[in-house]
């Protein structure tokens, strides 16, 4: 089952029926906002797909389906502002409860459902450089929603099928696109760990699976940076994504500036453009 079909199964019936006959191949997100028309994000632009305005109960229904009718079981994820099910990441917005009551949402006003995809062939032009640098550090860079996870998924598959032993801690299950069953193909030499944070999981994999390369989606915290240092210190390669347009933008952020100054990463892939017009530019990093 592809990511589009998985996302449709979470929608209220009126919207699901409307979209079942539509071509979802270029859809990046489904966005539902209370008292507004639902929209699809295609090539960076939103377009309405139904005249029926979203109701608050529609949003609640999506969350109930995504949580298996147990919002309490996913409370920790919701505190972070998202919910992930079968690779479909659902961003949540609304009115927050006070932090001293445990956090969470008093009222949900909008949802952003990101569609996971397998895009074979997109890494073809950068693979030689990635293979050459497989025992070093490579960063995949773009702003949020720019296709980092999709490119990472394809790079992992290609490098793994090419003989590189790769380990992945898939914290949000977005790379696999599944909660543990059959998902996207991540290659024949890939070992996957689900159910824990990427920093903690990557260190577990480092100690237990003898990887040649560890892949991490979204290096974004001091804990992630410390994990990167430990991995590199053991002579294992790192392939990671980060939120930035290019290395120059990374230098303007303290965490990423520290990441670059570590000298661990020697290659960056900058993702530019939207949808099928995305381009991948290699940039060597000074060490």
C-alpha atoms as a PDB file:
ATOM      1  CA  UNK A   1       0.000   0.000   0.000  1.00  0.00           C
ATOM      2  CA  UNK A   2       1.463   3.370  -0.986  1.00  0.00           C
ATOM      3  CA  UNK A   3       1.610   6.491   1.182  1.00  0.00           C
ATOM      4  CA  UNK A   4      -1.267   8.173  -0.660  1.00  0.00           C
ATOM      5  CA  UNK A   5      -3.595   5.248   0.048  1.00  0.00           C
ATOM      6  CA  UNK A   6      -2.502   5.125   3.690  1.00  0.00           C
ATOM      7  CA  UNK A   7      -3.294   8.822   4.068  1.00  0.00           C
ATOM      8  CA  UNK A   8      -6.705   8.482   2.401  1.00  0.00           C
ATOM      9  CA  UNK A   9      -7.703   5.782   4.880  1.00  0.00           C
ATOM     10  CA  UNK A  10      -7.343   8.304   7.696  1.00  0.00           C
ATOM     11  CA  UNK A  11      -9.719  10.858   6.166  1.00  0.00           C
ATOM     12  CA  UNK A  12     -13.430  11.341   6.885  1.00  0.00           C
ATOM     13  CA  UNK A  13     -15.535   9.418   4.373  1.00  0.00           C
ATOM     14  CA  UNK A  14     -16.715  12.495   2.448  1.00  0.00           C
ATOM     15  CA  UNK A  15     -13.129  13.525   1.690  1.00  0.00           C
ATOM     16  CA  UNK A  16     -11.837  10.004   1.129  1.00  0.00           C
ATOM     17  CA  UNK A  17     -14.473   9.316  -1.545  1.00  0.00           C
ATOM     18  CA  UNK A  18     -13.676  12.662  -3.184  1.00  0.00           C
ATOM     19  CA  UNK A  19      -9.982  11.796  -3.491  1.00  0.00           C
ATOM     20  CA  UNK A  20     -10.082   8.068  -4.232  1.00  0.00           C
ATOM     21  CA  UNK A  21     -10.422   8.680  -7.976  1.00  0.00           C
ATOM     22  CA  UNK A  22      -7.910  11.533  -8.024  1.00  0.00           C
ATOM     23  CA  UNK A  23      -4.306  11.270  -9.177  1.00  0.00           C
ATOM     24  CA  UNK A  24      -2.330  11.636  -5.970  1.00  0.00           C
ATOM     25  CA  UNK A  25       1.096  11.067  -7.495  1.00  0.00           C
ATOM     26  CA  UNK A  26       2.159  14.719  -7.143  1.00  0.00           C
ATOM     27  CA  UNK A  27       0.417  15.473  -3.817  1.00  0.00           C
ATOM     28  CA  UNK A  28       2.868  16.360  -1.034  1.00  0.00           C
ATOM     29  CA  UNK A  29       0.399  17.110   1.759  1.00  0.00           C
ATOM     30  CA  UNK A  30      -3.306  17.006   2.638  1.00  0.00           C
ATOM     31  CA  UNK A  31      -4.258  19.955   4.832  1.00  0.00           C
ATOM     32  CA  UNK A  32      -7.441  20.170   6.912  1.00  0.00           C
ATOM     33  CA  UNK A  33      -8.379  23.388   8.721  1.00  0.00           C
ATOM     34  CA  UNK A  34     -11.485  23.851  10.819  1.00  0.00           C
ATOM     35  CA  UNK A  35     -14.168  25.914   9.022  1.00  0.00           C
ATOM     36  CA  UNK A  36     -12.059  26.058   5.848  1.00  0.00           C
ATOM     37  CA  UNK A  37     -11.967  24.112   2.601  1.00  0.00           C
ATOM     38  CA  UNK A  38      -9.579  21.138   2.641  1.00  0.00           C
ATOM     39  CA  UNK A  39      -6.560  21.510   0.372  1.00  0.00           C
ATOM     40  CA  UNK A  40      -3.816  19.526  -1.342  1.00  0.00           C
ATOM     41  CA  UNK A  41      -0.252  20.812  -1.488  1.00  0.00           C
ATOM     42  CA  UNK A  42       1.152  20.226  -4.984  1.00  0.00           C
ATOM     43  CA  UNK A  43       4.514  21.670  -6.075  1.00  0.00           C
ATOM     44  CA  UNK A  44       4.465  24.080  -3.152  1.00  0.00           C
ATOM     45  CA  UNK A  45       0.966  25.466  -3.828  1.00  0.00           C
ATOM     46  CA  UNK A  46      -2.298  24.645  -2.054  1.00  0.00           C
ATOM     47  CA  UNK A  47      -5.491  23.954  -3.975  1.00  0.00           C
ATOM     48  CA  UNK A  48      -8.928  23.147  -2.548  1.00  0.00           C
ATOM     49  CA  UNK A  49     -10.386  19.750  -3.414  1.00  0.00           C
ATOM     50  CA  UNK A  50     -13.849  20.027  -1.840  1.00  0.00           C
ATOM     51  CA  UNK A  51     -16.444  22.724  -1.174  1.00  0.00           C
ATOM     52  CA  UNK A  52     -17.375  21.012   2.098  1.00  0.00           C
ATOM     53  CA  UNK A  53     -15.792  22.976   4.950  1.00  0.00           C
ATOM     54  CA  UNK A  54     -13.839  21.005   7.528  1.00  0.00           C
ATOM     55  CA  UNK A  55     -15.483  20.521  10.884  1.00  0.00           C
ATOM     56  CA  UNK A  56     -13.745  20.096  14.213  1.00  0.00           C
ATOM     57  CA  UNK A  57     -15.157  16.580  14.418  1.00  0.00           C
ATOM     58  CA  UNK A  58     -13.463  15.779  11.083  1.00  0.00           C
ATOM     59  CA  UNK A  59     -10.096  16.649  12.581  1.00  0.00           C
ATOM     60  CA  UNK A  60     -10.825  14.619  15.694  1.00  0.00           C
ATOM     61  CA  UNK A  61     -11.835  11.637  13.557  1.00  0.00           C
ATOM     62  CA  UNK A  62      -8.493  11.714  11.716  1.00  0.00           C
ATOM     63  CA  UNK A  63      -6.605  11.711  15.022  1.00  0.00           C
ATOM     64  CA  UNK A  64      -8.722   8.867  16.379  1.00  0.00           C
ATOM     65  CA  UNK A  65      -8.055   6.771  13.284  1.00  0.00           C
ATOM     66  CA  UNK A  66      -4.345   7.564  13.380  1.00  0.00           C
ATOM     67  CA  UNK A  67      -4.079   6.639  17.064  1.00  0.00           C
ATOM     68  CA  UNK A  68      -6.168   3.486  16.835  1.00  0.00           C
ATOM     69  CA  UNK A  69      -8.916   5.186  18.877  1.00  0.00           C
ATOM     70  CA  UNK A  70      -6.484   5.772  21.759  1.00  0.00           C
ATOM     71  CA  UNK A  71      -5.190   9.338  21.843  1.00  0.00           C
ATOM     72  CA  UNK A  72      -3.822   8.655  25.314  1.00  0.00           C
ATOM     73  CA  UNK A  73      -1.412   6.092  23.820  1.00  0.00           C
ATOM     74  CA  UNK A  74       0.132   8.721  21.532  1.00  0.00           C
ATOM     75  CA  UNK A  75       0.071  11.601  24.034  1.00  0.00           C
ATOM     76  CA  UNK A  76       3.860  11.966  24.074  1.00  0.00           C
ATOM     77  CA  UNK A  77       3.979  12.360  20.293  1.00  0.00           C
ATOM     78  CA  UNK A  78       1.129  14.858  20.320  1.00  0.00           C
ATOM     79  CA  UNK A  79       3.022  16.960  22.877  1.00  0.00           C
ATOM     80  CA  UNK A  80       5.657  17.382  20.171  1.00  0.00           C
ATOM     81  CA  UNK A  81       2.969  18.624  17.764  1.00  0.00           C
ATOM     82  CA  UNK A  82       2.658  15.635  15.475  1.00  0.00           C
ATOM     83  CA  UNK A  83       1.412  12.080  15.110  1.00  0.00           C
ATOM     84  CA  UNK A  84       2.989   9.435  12.889  1.00  0.00           C
ATOM     85  CA  UNK A  85       1.207   6.352  11.567  1.00  0.00           C
ATOM     86  CA  UNK A  86       2.443   4.027   8.828  1.00  0.00           C
ATOM     87  CA  UNK A  87       4.877   6.678   7.648  1.00  0.00           C
ATOM     88  CA  UNK A  88       2.202   9.378   7.321  1.00  0.00           C
ATOM     89  CA  UNK A  89       3.262  12.267   9.524  1.00  0.00           C
ATOM     90  CA  UNK A  90       0.376  14.405  10.767  1.00  0.00           C
ATOM     91  CA  UNK A  91       1.278  17.857  12.052  1.00  0.00           C
ATOM     92  CA  UNK A  92      -1.219  19.133  14.621  1.00  0.00           C
ATOM     93  CA  UNK A  93      -2.125  22.732  15.451  1.00  0.00           C
ATOM     94  CA  UNK A  94      -4.659  24.230  17.837  1.00  0.00           C
ATOM     95  CA  UNK A  95      -5.105  25.406  21.418  1.00  0.00           C
ATOM     96  CA  UNK A  96      -2.637  23.894  23.879  1.00  0.00           C
ATOM     97  CA  UNK A  97      -3.379  22.800  27.412  1.00  0.00           C
ATOM     98  CA  UNK A  98      -1.226  24.333  30.188  1.00  0.00           C
ATOM     99  CA  UNK A  99       2.104  22.554  30.551  1.00  0.00           C
ATOM    100  CA  UNK A 100       1.457  21.839  34.237  1.00  0.00           C
ATOM    101  CA  UNK A 101      -1.523  19.693  33.232  1.00  0.00           C
ATOM    102  CA  UNK A 102       0.586  17.461  31.030  1.00  0.00           C
ATOM    103  CA  UNK A 103       0.437  19.444  27.794  1.00  0.00           C
ATOM    104  CA  UNK A 104      -1.403  18.256  24.728  1.00  0.00           C
ATOM    105  CA  UNK A 105      -4.250  19.956  22.902  1.00  0.00           C
ATOM    106  CA  UNK A 106      -7.439  21.402  24.334  1.00  0.00           C
ATOM    107  CA  UNK A 107      -8.755  21.971  20.811  1.00  0.00           C
ATOM    108  CA  UNK A 108      -7.424  20.956  17.399  1.00  0.00           C
ATOM    109  CA  UNK A 109      -7.849  23.506  14.607  1.00  0.00           C
ATOM    110  CA  UNK A 110      -5.731  22.154  11.714  1.00  0.00           C
ATOM    111  CA  UNK A 111      -3.893  19.082  10.483  1.00  0.00           C
ATOM    112  CA  UNK A 112      -1.107  18.702   7.944  1.00  0.00           C
ATOM    113  CA  UNK A 113      -0.798  15.165   6.552  1.00  0.00           C
ATOM    114  CA  UNK A 114       2.526  14.632   4.780  1.00  0.00           C
ATOM    115  CA  UNK A 115       2.489  11.901   2.125  1.00  0.00           C
ATOM    116  CA  UNK A 116       5.510   9.531   2.241  1.00  0.00           C
ATOM    117  CA  UNK A 117       6.818   8.355  -1.125  1.00  0.00           C
ATOM    118  CA  UNK A 118       9.364   6.070  -2.686  1.00  0.00           C
ATOM    119  CA  UNK A 119      10.965   7.929  -5.607  1.00  0.00           C
ATOM    120  CA  UNK A 120      13.367   5.550  -7.314  1.00  0.00           C
ATOM    121  CA  UNK A 121      16.099   7.060  -9.420  1.00  0.00           C
ATOM    122  CA  UNK A 122      16.249  10.517  -7.824  1.00  0.00           C
ATOM    123  CA  UNK A 123      19.668   9.825  -6.275  1.00  0.00           C
ATOM    124  CA  UNK A 124      21.269   8.576  -9.485  1.00  0.00           C
ATOM    125  CA  UNK A 125      23.324  11.710 -10.121  1.00  0.00           C
ATOM    126  CA  UNK A 126      24.793  11.933  -6.617  1.00  0.00           C
ATOM    127  CA  UNK A 127      25.395   8.227  -5.915  1.00  0.00           C
ATOM    128  CA  UNK A 128      29.043   8.129  -7.058  1.00  0.00           C
ATOM    129  CA  UNK A 129      29.925  10.891  -4.572  1.00  0.00           C
ATOM    130  CA  UNK A 130      27.902   9.223  -1.802  1.00  0.00           C
ATOM    131  CA  UNK A 131      29.623   5.884  -2.373  1.00  0.00           C
ATOM    132  CA  UNK A 132      33.031   7.561  -2.301  1.00  0.00           C
ATOM    133  CA  UNK A 133      32.107   9.273   0.972  1.00  0.00           C
ATOM    134  CA  UNK A 134      30.248   6.337   2.571  1.00  0.00           C
ATOM    135  CA  UNK A 135      32.799   6.087   5.411  1.00  0.00           C
ATOM    136  CA  UNK A 136      32.693   9.837   5.986  1.00  0.00           C
ATOM    137  CA  UNK A 137      29.871  12.311   6.684  1.00  0.00           C
ATOM    138  CA  UNK A 138      27.238  13.521   4.205  1.00  0.00           C
ATOM    139  CA  UNK A 139      24.410  15.986   4.872  1.00  0.00           C
ATOM    140  CA  UNK A 140      21.186  16.220   2.848  1.00  0.00           C
ATOM    141  CA  UNK A 141      19.879  19.789   3.139  1.00  0.00           C
ATOM    142  CA  UNK A 142      16.615  21.555   2.370  1.00  0.00           C
ATOM    143  CA  UNK A 143      14.030  23.717   4.129  1.00  0.00           C
ATOM    144  CA  UNK A 144      11.105  21.866   5.782  1.00  0.00           C
ATOM    145  CA  UNK A 145       9.043  19.957   3.223  1.00  0.00           C
ATOM    146  CA  UNK A 146      11.820  20.078   0.647  1.00  0.00           C
ATOM    147  CA  UNK A 147      12.169  16.326   0.134  1.00  0.00           C
ATOM    148  CA  UNK A 148      15.000  15.396   2.527  1.00  0.00           C
ATOM    149  CA  UNK A 149      13.360  12.239   3.866  1.00  0.00           C
ATOM    150  CA  UNK A 150      12.405  11.040   0.379  1.00  0.00           C
ATOM    151  CA  UNK A 151      15.974  11.524  -0.853  1.00  0.00           C
ATOM    152  CA  UNK A 152      17.419   9.886   2.281  1.00  0.00           C
ATOM    153  CA  UNK A 153      15.167   6.864   1.755  1.00  0.00           C
ATOM    154  CA  UNK A 154      16.394   6.429  -1.813  1.00  0.00           C
ATOM    155  CA  UNK A 155      20.050   6.977  -0.890  1.00  0.00           C
ATOM    156  CA  UNK A 156      19.808   4.325   1.829  1.00  0.00           C
ATOM    157  CA  UNK A 157      18.230   1.848  -0.574  1.00  0.00           C
ATOM    158  CA  UNK A 158      20.794   2.405  -3.315  1.00  0.00           C
ATOM    159  CA  UNK A 159      23.851   2.337  -1.047  1.00  0.00           C
ATOM    160  CA  UNK A 160      22.545  -0.723   0.778  1.00  0.00           C
ATOM    161  CA  UNK A 161      21.801  -2.632  -2.418  1.00  0.00           C
ATOM    162  CA  UNK A 162      25.292  -1.651  -3.548  1.00  0.00           C
ATOM    163  CA  UNK A 163      26.818  -3.530  -0.613  1.00  0.00           C
ATOM    164  CA  UNK A 164      27.118  -0.890   2.122  1.00  0.00           C
ATOM    165  CA  UNK A 165      26.013  -2.199   5.530  1.00  0.00           C
ATOM    166  CA  UNK A 166      23.621   0.477   6.848  1.00  0.00           C
ATOM    167  CA  UNK A 167      21.807   0.912  10.157  1.00  0.00           C
ATOM    168  CA  UNK A 168      18.829   3.234  10.644  1.00  0.00           C
ATOM    169  CA  UNK A 169      16.960   4.284  13.790  1.00  0.00           C
ATOM    170  CA  UNK A 170      13.620   5.255  12.247  1.00  0.00           C
ATOM    171  CA  UNK A 171      12.175   7.307  15.113  1.00  0.00           C
ATOM    172  CA  UNK A 172       8.964   8.369  13.340  1.00  0.00           C
ATOM    173  CA  UNK A 173       8.749   5.370  10.994  1.00  0.00           C
ATOM    174  CA  UNK A 174       8.814   7.798   8.074  1.00  0.00           C
ATOM    175  CA  UNK A 175      11.661   6.108   6.226  1.00  0.00           C
ATOM    176  CA  UNK A 176      10.077   2.654   6.371  1.00  0.00           C
ATOM    177  CA  UNK A 177       6.592   4.101   5.840  1.00  0.00           C
ATOM    178  CA  UNK A 178       5.083   1.440   8.083  1.00  0.00           C
ATOM    179  CA  UNK A 179       4.514   0.767  11.775  1.00  0.00           C
ATOM    180  CA  UNK A 180       6.504  -2.434  11.520  1.00  0.00           C
ATOM    181  CA  UNK A 181       5.024  -4.491   8.697  1.00  0.00           C
ATOM    182  CA  UNK A 182       5.858  -4.308   5.021  1.00  0.00           C
ATOM    183  CA  UNK A 183       6.965  -0.823   4.057  1.00  0.00           C
ATOM    184  CA  UNK A 184       9.273   0.933   1.640  1.00  0.00           C
ATOM    185  CA  UNK A 185      12.335  -0.922   0.361  1.00  0.00           C
ATOM    186  CA  UNK A 186      15.386   0.270   2.318  1.00  0.00           C
ATOM    187  CA  UNK A 187      17.836  -2.131   0.712  1.00  0.00           C
ATOM    188  CA  UNK A 188      19.091  -5.653   1.290  1.00  0.00           C
ATOM    189  CA  UNK A 189      21.917  -4.707   3.693  1.00  0.00           C
ATOM    190  CA  UNK A 190      19.928  -2.346   5.934  1.00  0.00           C
ATOM    191  CA  UNK A 191      19.211  -3.016   9.618  1.00  0.00           C
ATOM    192  CA  UNK A 192      16.262  -1.028  10.962  1.00  0.00           C
ATOM    193  CA  UNK A 193      15.449  -0.118  14.558  1.00  0.00           C
ATOM    194  CA  UNK A 194      11.950   1.173  15.388  1.00  0.00           C
ATOM    195  CA  UNK A 195      10.448   2.393  18.621  1.00  0.00           C
ATOM    196  CA  UNK A 196      13.119   4.697  20.057  1.00  0.00           C
ATOM    197  CA  UNK A 197      14.654   8.117  19.474  1.00  0.00           C
ATOM    198  CA  UNK A 198      17.194   8.488  16.676  1.00  0.00           C
ATOM    199  CA  UNK A 199      20.068   9.534  18.958  1.00  0.00           C
ATOM    200  CA  UNK A 200      19.608   6.686  21.431  1.00  0.00           C
ATOM    201  CA  UNK A 201      18.766   4.238  18.647  1.00  0.00           C
ATOM    202  CA  UNK A 202      21.799   5.140  16.559  1.00  0.00           C
ATOM    203  CA  UNK A 203      24.127   4.450  19.499  1.00  0.00           C
ATOM    204  CA  UNK A 204      22.422   1.092  20.079  1.00  0.00           C
ATOM    205  CA  UNK A 205      22.926   0.210  16.431  1.00  0.00           C
ATOM    206  CA  UNK A 206      26.544   1.333  16.586  1.00  0.00           C
ATOM    207  CA  UNK A 207      27.182  -1.086  19.449  1.00  0.00           C
ATOM    208  CA  UNK A 208      25.144  -4.026  18.218  1.00  0.00           C
ATOM    209  CA  UNK A 209      25.029  -4.189  14.402  1.00  0.00           C
ATOM    210  CA  UNK A 210      28.567  -3.365  13.207  1.00  0.00           C
ATOM    211  CA  UNK A 211      27.356  -0.845  10.576  1.00  0.00           C
ATOM    212  CA  UNK A 212      29.546   0.780   7.961  1.00  0.00           C
ATOM    213  CA  UNK A 213      27.099   3.704   7.706  1.00  0.00           C
ATOM    214  CA  UNK A 214      24.378   5.054  10.002  1.00  0.00           C
ATOM    215  CA  UNK A 215      21.533   7.116   8.532  1.00  0.00           C
ATOM    216  CA  UNK A 216      19.749   9.755  10.646  1.00  0.00           C
ATOM    217  CA  UNK A 217      16.703  11.772   9.600  1.00  0.00           C
ATOM    218  CA  UNK A 218      16.730  15.350  10.949  1.00  0.00           C
ATOM    219  CA  UNK A 219      19.717  16.134  13.142  1.00  0.00           C
ATOM    220  CA  UNK A 220      18.101  18.827  15.265  1.00  0.00           C
ATOM    221  CA  UNK A 221      19.178  18.649  18.928  1.00  0.00           C
ATOM    222  CA  UNK A 222      22.301  18.554  21.112  1.00  0.00           C
ATOM    223  CA  UNK A 223      21.593  14.855  21.765  1.00  0.00           C
ATOM    224  CA  UNK A 224      21.673  14.186  18.029  1.00  0.00           C
ATOM    225  CA  UNK A 225      24.960  16.062  17.736  1.00  0.00           C
ATOM    226  CA  UNK A 226      26.524  14.035  20.537  1.00  0.00           C
ATOM    227  CA  UNK A 227      25.379  10.807  18.843  1.00  0.00           C
ATOM    228  CA  UNK A 228      26.959  11.987  15.581  1.00  0.00           C
ATOM    229  CA  UNK A 229      30.254  12.576  17.419  1.00  0.00           C
ATOM    230  CA  UNK A 230      30.217   9.093  18.938  1.00  0.00           C
ATOM    231  CA  UNK A 231      29.430   7.466  15.595  1.00  0.00           C
ATOM    232  CA  UNK A 232      32.192   9.326  13.780  1.00  0.00           C
ATOM    233  CA  UNK A 233      34.618   8.580  16.604  1.00  0.00           C
ATOM    234  CA  UNK A 234      34.124   4.874  15.951  1.00  0.00           C
ATOM    235  CA  UNK A 235      35.000   5.232  12.270  1.00  0.00           C
ATOM    236  CA  UNK A 236      31.442   4.713  11.019  1.00  0.00           C
ATOM    237  CA  UNK A 237      30.052   6.866   8.200  1.00  0.00           C
ATOM    238  CA  UNK A 238      27.029   9.132   8.698  1.00  0.00           C
ATOM    239  CA  UNK A 239      24.304  10.108   6.227  1.00  0.00           C
ATOM    240  CA  UNK A 240      21.995  12.683   7.817  1.00  0.00           C
ATOM    241  CA  UNK A 241      19.397  15.295   6.961  1.00  0.00           C
ATOM    242  CA  UNK A 242      19.124  18.826   8.349  1.00  0.00           C
ATOM    243  CA  UNK A 243      16.790  21.808   7.937  1.00  0.00           C
ATOM    244  CA  UNK A 244      18.739  24.359   5.904  1.00  0.00           C
ATOM    245  CA  UNK A 245      18.899  25.551   2.320  1.00  0.00           C
ATOM    246  CA  UNK A 246      22.690  25.280   2.168  1.00  0.00           C
ATOM    247  CA  UNK A 247      25.818  25.235   4.384  1.00  0.00           C
ATOM    248  CA  UNK A 248      25.859  29.037   4.535  1.00  0.00           C
ATOM    249  CA  UNK A 249      22.442  29.010   6.218  1.00  0.00           C
ATOM    250  CA  UNK A 250      23.643  26.321   8.632  1.00  0.00           C
ATOM    251  CA  UNK A 251      26.438  28.637   9.757  1.00  0.00           C
ATOM    252  CA  UNK A 252      23.839  31.114  11.012  1.00  0.00           C
ATOM    253  CA  UNK A 253      22.471  28.618  13.566  1.00  0.00           C
ATOM    254  CA  UNK A 254      24.504  27.748  16.684  1.00  0.00           C
ATOM    255  CA  UNK A 255      23.770  23.991  16.689  1.00  0.00           C
ATOM    256  CA  UNK A 256      24.477  23.550  12.991  1.00  0.00           C
ATOM    257  CA  UNK A 257      27.522  25.792  13.175  1.00  0.00           C
ATOM    258  CA  UNK A 258      28.897  23.466  15.843  1.00  0.00           C
ATOM    259  CA  UNK A 259      27.982  20.483  13.667  1.00  0.00           C
ATOM    260  CA  UNK A 260      29.940  21.863  10.717  1.00  0.00           C
ATOM    261  CA  UNK A 261      32.903  22.943  12.837  1.00  0.00           C
ATOM    262  CA  UNK A 262      33.280  19.359  14.086  1.00  0.00           C
ATOM    263  CA  UNK A 263      34.731  18.419  10.697  1.00  0.00           C
ATOM    264  CA  UNK A 264      32.697  15.207  10.640  1.00  0.00           C
ATOM    265  CA  UNK A 265      30.790  16.157   7.498  1.00  0.00           C
ATOM    266  CA  UNK A 266      32.741  16.700   4.295  1.00  0.00           C
ATOM    267  CA  UNK A 267      29.913  16.637   1.727  1.00  0.00           C
ATOM    268  CA  UNK A 268      26.499  18.324   1.464  1.00  0.00           C
ATOM    269  CA  UNK A 269      23.671  17.679  -0.976  1.00  0.00           C
ATOM    270  CA  UNK A 270      21.503  20.786  -1.359  1.00  0.00           C
ATOM    271  CA  UNK A 271      17.936  20.125  -2.509  1.00  0.00           C
ATOM    272  CA  UNK A 272      16.370  22.886  -4.578  1.00  0.00           C
ATOM    273  CA  UNK A 273      13.048  23.263  -6.381  1.00  0.00           C
ATOM    274  CA  UNK A 274       9.653  21.630  -5.876  1.00  0.00           C
ATOM    275  CA  UNK A 275       8.117  18.268  -6.760  1.00  0.00           C
ATOM    276  CA  UNK A 276       9.411  16.768  -9.996  1.00  0.00           C
ATOM    277  CA  UNK A 277      11.531  19.906 -10.543  1.00  0.00           C
ATOM    278  CA  UNK A 278      13.805  19.201  -7.582  1.00  0.00           C
ATOM    279  CA  UNK A 279      17.543  19.415  -8.213  1.00  0.00           C
ATOM    280  CA  UNK A 280      20.377  17.971  -6.143  1.00  0.00           C
ATOM    281  CA  UNK A 281      23.637  19.945  -5.953  1.00  0.00           C
ATOM    282  CA  UNK A 282      26.813  18.612  -4.363  1.00  0.00           C
ATOM    283  CA  UNK A 283      28.916  20.940  -2.244  1.00  0.00           C
ATOM    284  CA  UNK A 284      32.193  20.049  -0.550  1.00  0.00           C
ATOM    285  CA  UNK A 285      32.455  21.230   3.033  1.00  0.00           C
ATOM    286  CA  UNK A 286      35.620  22.716   4.491  1.00  0.00           C
ATOM    287  CA  UNK A 287      37.096  20.688   7.321  1.00  0.00           C
END
